[in-house]
Amino acid sequence: MSEKNTNSFLAFLLGLTAGAILGILFAPAEGKETRKKIAKYLEDLEEKGEEYLEKGKEFVEEGAEKVKKFVEESKDKVVKKFKEE
């Protein structure tokens, strides 16, 4: 993932979190109930964050494997070409 995409995604998550918390805080509800809602939302957000982190990790690992394979294949082609000459 590029740095621009990562920053955009983090800004999106921050905005989403802030909006949800403000919405809950300003909704007419008892303080205890509001705190429960915020706690539940943050737990859900943590789970989603962990899922996104795992997907990102898998994406990077797959990309690294592809790059490694490409480099090895390219190296083999170059070595073969030099041996032919």
PDB file of N, CA and C in Angstrom:
ATOM      1  N   MET A   1       0.848  -1.166   0.000  1.00  0.00           N
ATOM      2  CA  MET A   1       0.000   0.000   0.000  1.00  0.00           C
ATOM      3  C   MET A   1       0.891   1.225   0.000  1.00  0.00           C
ATOM      4  N   SER A   2       0.579   2.203  -0.830  1.00  0.00           N
ATOM      5  CA  SER A   2       1.402   3.398  -0.867  1.00  0.00           C
ATOM      6  C   SER A   2       1.156   4.243   0.368  1.00  0.00           C
ATOM      7  N   GLU A   3       2.112   5.147   0.624  1.00  0.00           N
ATOM      8  CA  GLU A   3       2.000   6.004   1.809  1.00  0.00           C
ATOM      9  C   GLU A   3       0.757   6.881   1.722  1.00  0.00           C
ATOM     10  N   LYS A   4       0.437   7.355   0.514  1.00  0.00           N
ATOM     11  CA  LYS A   4      -0.743   8.206   0.330  1.00  0.00           C
ATOM     12  C   LYS A   4      -2.018   7.436   0.684  1.00  0.00           C
ATOM     13  N   ASN A   5      -2.119   6.193   0.218  1.00  0.00           N
ATOM     14  CA  ASN A   5      -3.292   5.369   0.520  1.00  0.00           C
ATOM     15  C   ASN A   5      -3.384   5.065   2.007  1.00  0.00           C
ATOM     16  N   THR A   6      -2.250   4.803   2.619  1.00  0.00           N
ATOM     17  CA  THR A   6      -2.230   4.512   4.052  1.00  0.00           C
ATOM     18  C   THR A   6      -2.694   5.718   4.842  1.00  0.00           C
ATOM     19  N   ASN A   7      -2.164   6.896   4.497  1.00  0.00           N
ATOM     20  CA  ASN A   7      -2.561   8.117   5.199  1.00  0.00           C
ATOM     21  C   ASN A   7      -4.042   8.413   4.992  1.00  0.00           C
ATOM     22  N   SER A   8      -4.538   8.216   3.793  1.00  0.00           N
ATOM     23  CA  SER A   8      -5.955   8.449   3.514  1.00  0.00           C
ATOM     24  C   SER A   8      -6.823   7.493   4.318  1.00  0.00           C
ATOM     25  N   PHE A   9      -6.412   6.249   4.391  1.00  0.00           N
ATOM     26  CA  PHE A   9      -7.170   5.248   5.136  1.00  0.00           C
ATOM     27  C   PHE A   9      -7.189   5.584   6.618  1.00  0.00           C
ATOM     28  N   LEU A  10      -6.035   5.979   7.166  1.00  0.00           N
ATOM     29  CA  LEU A  10      -5.976   6.342   8.580  1.00  0.00           C
ATOM     30  C   LEU A  10      -6.826   7.572   8.867  1.00  0.00           C
ATOM     31  N   ALA A  11      -6.808   8.551   7.963  1.00  0.00           N
ATOM     32  CA  ALA A  11      -7.639   9.744   8.141  1.00  0.00           C
ATOM     33  C   ALA A  11      -9.116   9.362   8.107  1.00  0.00           C
ATOM     34  N   PHE A  12      -9.475   8.447   7.216  1.00  0.00           N
ATOM     35  CA  PHE A  12     -10.854   7.978   7.134  1.00  0.00           C
ATOM     36  C   PHE A  12     -11.278   7.314   8.443  1.00  0.00           C
ATOM     37  N   LEU A  13     -10.438   6.428   8.964  1.00  0.00           N
ATOM     38  CA  LEU A  13     -10.759   5.748  10.224  1.00  0.00           C
ATOM     39  C   LEU A  13     -10.872   6.734  11.378  1.00  0.00           C
ATOM     40  N   LEU A  14      -9.982   7.708  11.423  1.00  0.00           N
ATOM     41  CA  LEU A  14     -10.027   8.713  12.481  1.00  0.00           C
ATOM     42  C   LEU A  14     -11.318   9.517  12.395  1.00  0.00           C
ATOM     43  N   GLY A  15     -11.688   9.936  11.191  1.00  0.00           N
ATOM     44  CA  GLY A  15     -12.934  10.682  11.008  1.00  0.00           C
ATOM     45  C   GLY A  15     -14.153   9.855  11.359  1.00  0.00           C
ATOM     46  N   LEU A  16     -14.142   8.608  10.958  1.00  0.00           N
ATOM     47  CA  LEU A  16     -15.245   7.701  11.266  1.00  0.00           C
ATOM     48  C   LEU A  16     -15.398   7.530  12.772  1.00  0.00           C
ATOM     49  N   THR A  17     -14.291   7.328  13.439  1.00  0.00           N
ATOM     50  CA  THR A  17     -14.314   7.158  14.893  1.00  0.00           C
ATOM     51  C   THR A  17     -14.807   8.418  15.589  1.00  0.00           C
ATOM     52  N   ALA A  18     -14.249   9.559  15.211  1.00  0.00           N
ATOM     53  CA  ALA A  18     -14.650  10.822  15.836  1.00  0.00           C
ATOM     54  C   ALA A  18     -16.129  11.097  15.601  1.00  0.00           C
ATOM     55  N   GLY A  19     -16.603  10.875  14.392  1.00  0.00           N
ATOM     56  CA  GLY A  19     -18.013  11.097  14.083  1.00  0.00           C
ATOM     57  C   GLY A  19     -18.932  10.196  14.881  1.00  0.00           C
ATOM     58  N   ALA A  20     -18.564   8.943  14.983  1.00  0.00           N
ATOM     59  CA  ALA A  20     -19.401   7.998  15.734  1.00  0.00           C
ATOM     60  C   ALA A  20     -19.441   8.358  17.218  1.00  0.00           C
ATOM     61  N   ILE A  21     -18.300   8.692  17.772  1.00  0.00           N
ATOM     62  CA  ILE A  21     -18.261   9.046  19.196  1.00  0.00           C
ATOM     63  C   ILE A  21     -19.057  10.319  19.455  1.00  0.00           C
ATOM     64  N   LEU A  22     -18.881  11.326  18.606  1.00  0.00           N
ATOM     65  CA  LEU A  22     -19.649  12.566  18.784  1.00  0.00           C
ATOM     66  C   LEU A  22     -21.145  12.306  18.634  1.00  0.00           C
ATOM     67  N   GLY A  23     -21.511  11.480  17.682  1.00  0.00           N
ATOM     68  CA  GLY A  23     -22.922  11.145  17.495  1.00  0.00           C
ATOM     69  C   GLY A  23     -23.510  10.469  18.718  1.00  0.00           C
ATOM     70  N   ILE A  24     -22.759   9.571  19.292  1.00  0.00           N
ATOM     71  CA  ILE A  24     -23.238   8.871  20.489  1.00  0.00           C
ATOM     72  C   ILE A  24     -23.309   9.825  21.678  1.00  0.00           C
ATOM     73  N   LEU A  25     -22.282  10.662  21.821  1.00  0.00           N
ATOM     74  CA  LEU A  25     -22.249  11.582  22.960  1.00  0.00           C
ATOM     75  C   LEU A  25     -23.401  12.587  22.936  1.00  0.00           C
ATOM     76  N   PHE A  26     -23.777  13.030  21.755  1.00  0.00           N
ATOM     77  CA  PHE A  26     -24.826  14.035  21.657  1.00  0.00           C
ATOM     78  C   PHE A  26     -26.226  13.441  21.515  1.00  0.00           C
ATOM     79  N   ALA A  27     -26.318  12.144  21.408  1.00  0.00           N
ATOM     80  CA  ALA A  27     -27.625  11.493  21.346  1.00  0.00           C
ATOM     81  C   ALA A  27     -28.239  11.491  22.747  1.00  0.00           C
ATOM     82  N   PRO A  28     -29.549  11.645  22.819  1.00  0.00           N
ATOM     83  CA  PRO A  28     -30.185  11.660  24.143  1.00  0.00           C
ATOM     84  C   PRO A  28     -30.210  10.254  24.742  1.00  0.00           C
ATOM     85  N   ALA A  29     -29.295  10.011  25.656  1.00  0.00           N
ATOM     86  CA  ALA A  29     -29.231   8.713  26.338  1.00  0.00           C
ATOM     87  C   ALA A  29     -28.576   8.920  27.696  1.00  0.00           C
ATOM     88  N   GLU A  30     -28.817   7.983  28.569  1.00  0.00           N
ATOM     89  CA  GLU A  30     -28.229   8.020  29.901  1.00  0.00           C
ATOM     90  C   GLU A  30     -26.713   7.833  29.802  1.00  0.00           C
ATOM     91  N   GLY A  31     -25.962   8.449  30.720  1.00  0.00           N
ATOM     92  CA  GLY A  31     -24.498   8.388  30.693  1.00  0.00           C
ATOM     93  C   GLY A  31     -23.951   6.978  30.672  1.00  0.00           C
ATOM     94  N   LYS A  32     -24.511   6.105  31.497  1.00  0.00           N
ATOM     95  CA  LYS A  32     -24.045   4.721  31.564  1.00  0.00           C
ATOM     96  C   LYS A  32     -24.261   4.024  30.221  1.00  0.00           C
ATOM     97  N   GLU A  33     -25.423   4.252  29.644  1.00  0.00           N
ATOM     98  CA  GLU A  33     -25.741   3.643  28.347  1.00  0.00           C
ATOM     99  C   GLU A  33     -24.806   4.186  27.264  1.00  0.00           C
ATOM    100  N   THR A  34     -24.531   5.472  27.307  1.00  0.00           N
ATOM    101  CA  THR A  34     -23.628   6.086  26.332  1.00  0.00           C
ATOM    102  C   THR A  34     -22.233   5.483  26.443  1.00  0.00           C
ATOM    103  N   ARG A  35     -21.744   5.309  27.649  1.00  0.00           N
ATOM    104  CA  ARG A  35     -20.419   4.712  27.843  1.00  0.00           C
ATOM    105  C   ARG A  35     -20.384   3.274  27.324  1.00  0.00           C
ATOM    106  N   LYS A  36     -21.461   2.534  27.507  1.00  0.00           N
ATOM    107  CA  LYS A  36     -21.534   1.163  26.978  1.00  0.00           C
ATOM    108  C   LYS A  36     -21.459   1.178  25.450  1.00  0.00           C
ATOM    109  N   LYS A  37     -22.200   2.117  24.848  1.00  0.00           N
ATOM    110  CA  LYS A  37     -22.199   2.212  23.383  1.00  0.00           C
ATOM    111  C   LYS A  37     -20.806   2.558  22.862  1.00  0.00           C
ATOM    112  N   ILE A  38     -20.149   3.501  23.536  1.00  0.00           N
ATOM    113  CA  ILE A  38     -18.802   3.887  23.111  1.00  0.00           C
ATOM    114  C   ILE A  38     -17.844   2.709  23.264  1.00  0.00           C
ATOM    115  N   ALA A  39     -17.927   2.009  24.384  1.00  0.00           N
ATOM    116  CA  ALA A  39     -17.050   0.856  24.615  1.00  0.00           C
ATOM    117  C   ALA A  39     -17.277  -0.217  23.552  1.00  0.00           C
ATOM    118  N   LYS A  40     -18.528  -0.493  23.233  1.00  0.00           N
ATOM    119  CA  LYS A  40     -18.852  -1.497  22.212  1.00  0.00           C
ATOM    120  C   LYS A  40     -18.315  -1.070  20.852  1.00  0.00           C
ATOM    121  N   TYR A  41     -18.517   0.211  20.523  1.00  0.00           N
ATOM    122  CA  TYR A  41     -18.037   0.717  19.237  1.00  0.00           C
ATOM    123  C   TYR A  41     -16.515   0.592  19.153  1.00  0.00           C
ATOM    124  N   LEU A  42     -15.814   0.949  20.219  1.00  0.00           N
ATOM    125  CA  LEU A  42     -14.354   0.871  20.210  1.00  0.00           C
ATOM    126  C   LEU A  42     -13.872  -0.573  20.119  1.00  0.00           C
ATOM    127  N   GLU A  43     -14.581  -1.505  20.743  1.00  0.00           N
ATOM    128  CA  GLU A  43     -14.232  -2.925  20.618  1.00  0.00           C
ATOM    129  C   GLU A  43     -14.388  -3.382  19.172  1.00  0.00           C
ATOM    130  N   ASP A  44     -15.506  -2.989  18.558  1.00  0.00           N
ATOM    131  CA  ASP A  44     -15.733  -3.352  17.158  1.00  0.00           C
ATOM    132  C   ASP A  44     -14.663  -2.744  16.261  1.00  0.00           C
ATOM    133  N   LEU A  45     -14.318  -1.494  16.541  1.00  0.00           N
ATOM    134  CA  LEU A  45     -13.307  -0.807  15.746  1.00  0.00           C
ATOM    135  C   LEU A  45     -11.953  -1.493  15.891  1.00  0.00           C
ATOM    136  N   GLU A  46     -11.637  -1.943  17.092  1.00  0.00           N
ATOM    137  CA  GLU A  46     -10.378  -2.649  17.320  1.00  0.00           C
ATOM    138  C   GLU A  46     -10.343  -3.945  16.511  1.00  0.00           C
ATOM    139  N   GLU A  47     -11.449  -4.678  16.502  1.00  0.00           N
ATOM    140  CA  GLU A  47     -11.513  -5.920  15.730  1.00  0.00           C
ATOM    141  C   GLU A  47     -11.323  -5.642  14.245  1.00  0.00           C
ATOM    142  N   LYS A  48     -12.006  -4.619  13.746  1.00  0.00           N
ATOM    143  CA  LYS A  48     -11.863  -4.274  12.327  1.00  0.00           C
ATOM    144  C   LYS A  48     -10.437  -3.839  12.023  1.00  0.00           C
ATOM    145  N   GLY A  49      -9.849  -3.070  12.932  1.00  0.00           N
ATOM    146  CA  GLY A  49      -8.467  -2.637  12.738  1.00  0.00           C
ATOM    147  C   GLY A  49      -7.517  -3.817  12.664  1.00  0.00           C
ATOM    148  N   GLU A  50      -7.740  -4.801  13.522  1.00  0.00           N
ATOM    149  CA  GLU A  50      -6.908  -6.006  13.500  1.00  0.00           C
ATOM    150  C   GLU A  50      -7.089  -6.763  12.188  1.00  0.00           C
ATOM    151  N   GLU A  51      -8.330  -6.820  11.698  1.00  0.00           N
ATOM    152  CA  GLU A  51      -8.589  -7.487  10.420  1.00  0.00           C
ATOM    153  C   GLU A  51      -7.864  -6.769   9.287  1.00  0.00           C
ATOM    154  N   TYR A  52      -7.978  -5.436   9.259  1.00  0.00           N
ATOM    155  CA  TYR A  52      -7.307  -4.658   8.215  1.00  0.00           C
ATOM    156  C   TYR A  52      -5.794  -4.797   8.317  1.00  0.00           C
ATOM    157  N   LEU A  53      -5.281  -4.833   9.522  1.00  0.00           N
ATOM    158  CA  LEU A  53      -3.846  -4.994   9.722  1.00  0.00           C
ATOM    159  C   LEU A  53      -3.390  -6.351   9.197  1.00  0.00           C
ATOM    160  N   GLU A  54      -4.153  -7.388   9.476  1.00  0.00           N
ATOM    161  CA  GLU A  54      -3.813  -8.729   8.999  1.00  0.00           C
ATOM    162  C   GLU A  54      -3.866  -8.791   7.474  1.00  0.00           C
ATOM    163  N   LYS A  55      -4.902  -8.183   6.890  1.00  0.00           N
ATOM    164  CA  LYS A  55      -4.997  -8.160   5.425  1.00  0.00           C
ATOM    165  C   LYS A  55      -3.825  -7.398   4.824  1.00  0.00           C
ATOM    166  N   GLY A  56      -3.457  -6.293   5.460  1.00  0.00           N
ATOM    167  CA  GLY A  56      -2.319  -5.510   4.979  1.00  0.00           C
ATOM    168  C   GLY A  56      -1.026  -6.302   5.064  1.00  0.00           C
ATOM    169  N   LYS A  57      -0.870  -7.035   6.153  1.00  0.00           N
ATOM    170  CA  LYS A  57       0.321  -7.868   6.335  1.00  0.00           C
ATOM    171  C   LYS A  57       0.390  -8.935   5.246  1.00  0.00           C
ATOM    172  N   GLU A  58      -0.741  -9.585   4.975  1.00  0.00           N
ATOM    173  CA  GLU A  58      -0.785 -10.607   3.928  1.00  0.00           C
ATOM    174  C   GLU A  58      -0.467  -9.996   2.568  1.00  0.00           C
ATOM    175  N   PHE A  59      -0.997  -8.798   2.307  1.00  0.00           N
ATOM    176  CA  PHE A  59      -0.756  -8.110   1.042  1.00  0.00           C
ATOM    177  C   PHE A  59       0.738  -7.844   0.864  1.00  0.00           C
ATOM    178  N   VAL A  60       1.377  -7.358   1.915  1.00  0.00           N
ATOM    179  CA  VAL A  60       2.810  -7.057   1.849  1.00  0.00           C
ATOM    180  C   VAL A  60       3.615  -8.336   1.669  1.00  0.00           C
ATOM    181  N   GLU A  61       3.260  -9.385   2.395  1.00  0.00           N
ATOM    182  CA  GLU A  61       3.987 -10.651   2.275  1.00  0.00           C
ATOM    183  C   GLU A  61       3.856 -11.229   0.870  1.00  0.00           C
ATOM    184  N   GLU A  62       2.650 -11.179   0.303  1.00  0.00           N
ATOM    185  CA  GLU A  62       2.447 -11.684  -1.056  1.00  0.00           C
ATOM    186  C   GLU A  62       3.244 -10.855  -2.057  1.00  0.00           C
ATOM    187  N   GLY A  63       3.235  -9.542  -1.870  1.00  0.00           N
ATOM    188  CA  GLY A  63       4.001  -8.664  -2.757  1.00  0.00           C
ATOM    189  C   GLY A  63       5.487  -8.951  -2.665  1.00  0.00           C
ATOM    190  N   ALA A  64       5.977  -9.174  -1.458  1.00  0.00           N
ATOM    191  CA  ALA A  64       7.397  -9.473  -1.267  1.00  0.00           C
ATOM    192  C   ALA A  64       7.763 -10.786  -1.953  1.00  0.00           C
ATOM    193  N   GLU A  65       6.893 -11.772  -1.855  1.00  0.00           N
ATOM    194  CA  GLU A  65       7.148 -13.056  -2.519  1.00  0.00           C
ATOM    195  C   GLU A  65       7.192 -12.887  -4.037  1.00  0.00           C
ATOM    196  N   LYS A  66       6.280 -12.094  -4.576  1.00  0.00           N
ATOM    197  CA  LYS A  66       6.262 -11.859  -6.023  1.00  0.00           C
ATOM    198  C   LYS A  66       7.533 -11.152  -6.471  1.00  0.00           C
ATOM    199  N   VAL A  67       7.960 -10.162  -5.706  1.00  0.00           N
ATOM    200  CA  VAL A  67       9.186  -9.434  -6.046  1.00  0.00           C
ATOM    201  C   VAL A  67      10.380 -10.372  -5.969  1.00  0.00           C
ATOM    202  N   LYS A  68      10.442 -11.184  -4.929  1.00  0.00           N
ATOM    203  CA  LYS A  68      11.548 -12.130  -4.767  1.00  0.00           C
ATOM    204  C   LYS A  68      11.602 -13.100  -5.947  1.00  0.00           C
ATOM    205  N   LYS A  69      10.442 -13.617  -6.328  1.00  0.00           N
ATOM    206  CA  LYS A  69      10.377 -14.553  -7.453  1.00  0.00           C
ATOM    207  C   LYS A  69      10.813 -13.866  -8.746  1.00  0.00           C
ATOM    208  N   PHE A  70      10.347 -12.637  -8.960  1.00  0.00           N
ATOM    209  CA  PHE A  70      10.707 -11.886 -10.163  1.00  0.00           C
ATOM    210  C   PHE A  70      12.213 -11.648 -10.217  1.00  0.00           C
ATOM    211  N   VAL A  71      12.800 -11.256  -9.093  1.00  0.00           N
ATOM    212  CA  VAL A  71      14.242 -10.991  -9.045  1.00  0.00           C
ATOM    213  C   VAL A  71      15.020 -12.269  -9.336  1.00  0.00           C
ATOM    214  N   GLU A  72      14.611 -13.375  -8.743  1.00  0.00           N
ATOM    215  CA  GLU A  72      15.309 -14.642  -8.977  1.00  0.00           C
ATOM    216  C   GLU A  72      15.214 -15.060 -10.441  1.00  0.00           C
ATOM    217  N   GLU A  73      14.024 -14.923 -11.027  1.00  0.00           N
ATOM    218  CA  GLU A  73      13.852 -15.286 -12.436  1.00  0.00           C
ATOM    219  C   GLU A  73      14.677 -14.371 -13.332  1.00  0.00           C
ATOM    220  N   SER A  74      14.682 -13.093 -13.024  1.00  0.00           N
ATOM    221  CA  SER A  74      15.455 -12.135 -13.819  1.00  0.00           C
ATOM    222  C   SER A  74      16.946 -12.427 -13.709  1.00  0.00           C
ATOM    223  N   LYS A  75      17.400 -12.750 -12.506  1.00  0.00           N
ATOM    224  CA  LYS A  75      18.812 -13.079 -12.292  1.00  0.00           C
ATOM    225  C   LYS A  75      19.191 -14.300 -13.118  1.00  0.00           C
ATOM    226  N   ASP A  76      18.333 -15.314 -13.095  1.00  0.00           N
ATOM    227  CA  ASP A  76      18.605 -16.530 -13.860  1.00  0.00           C
ATOM    228  C   ASP A  76      18.690 -16.228 -15.353  1.00  0.00           C
ATOM    229  N   LYS A  77      17.811 -15.368 -15.847  1.00  0.00           N
ATOM    230  CA  LYS A  77      17.832 -15.004 -17.269  1.00  0.00           C
ATOM    231  C   LYS A  77      19.112 -14.262 -17.627  1.00  0.00           C
ATOM    232  N   VAL A  78      19.535 -13.354 -16.761  1.00  0.00           N
ATOM    233  CA  VAL A  78      20.755 -12.587 -17.025  1.00  0.00           C
ATOM    234  C   VAL A  78      21.967 -13.508 -17.012  1.00  0.00           C
ATOM    235  N   VAL A  79      22.040 -14.393 -16.027  1.00  0.00           N
ATOM    236  CA  VAL A  79      23.162 -15.333 -15.945  1.00  0.00           C
ATOM    237  C   VAL A  79      23.183 -16.224 -17.180  1.00  0.00           C
ATOM    238  N   LYS A  80      22.036 -16.710 -17.581  1.00  0.00           N
ATOM    239  CA  LYS A  80      21.947 -17.567 -18.770  1.00  0.00           C
ATOM    240  C   LYS A  80      22.400 -16.809 -20.011  1.00  0.00           C
ATOM    241  N   LYS A  81      21.997 -15.556 -20.116  1.00  0.00           N
ATOM    242  CA  LYS A  81      22.349 -14.745 -21.281  1.00  0.00           C
ATOM    243  C   LYS A  81      23.862 -14.537 -21.338  1.00  0.00           C
ATOM    244  N   PHE A  82      24.484 -14.265 -20.190  1.00  0.00           N
ATOM    245  CA  PHE A  82      25.931 -14.066 -20.167  1.00  0.00           C
ATOM    246  C   PHE A  82      26.676 -15.351 -20.487  1.00  0.00           C
ATOM    247  N   LYS A  83      26.159 -16.482 -20.077  1.00  0.00           N
ATOM    248  CA  LYS A  83      26.812 -17.759 -20.364  1.00  0.00           C
ATOM    249  C   LYS A  83      26.746 -18.088 -21.849  1.00  0.00           C
ATOM    250  N   GLU A  84      25.687 -17.621 -22.518  1.00  0.00           N
ATOM    251  CA  GLU A  84      25.530 -17.876 -23.950  1.00  0.00           C
ATOM    252  C   GLU A  84      26.554 -17.088 -24.752  1.00  0.00           C
ATOM    253  N   GLU A  85      26.943 -15.942 -24.248  1.00  0.00           N
ATOM    254  CA  GLU A  85      27.863 -15.079 -25.010  1.00  0.00           C
ATOM    255  C   GLU A  85      29.276 -15.430 -24.808  1.00  0.00           C
TER     256      GLU A  85
END
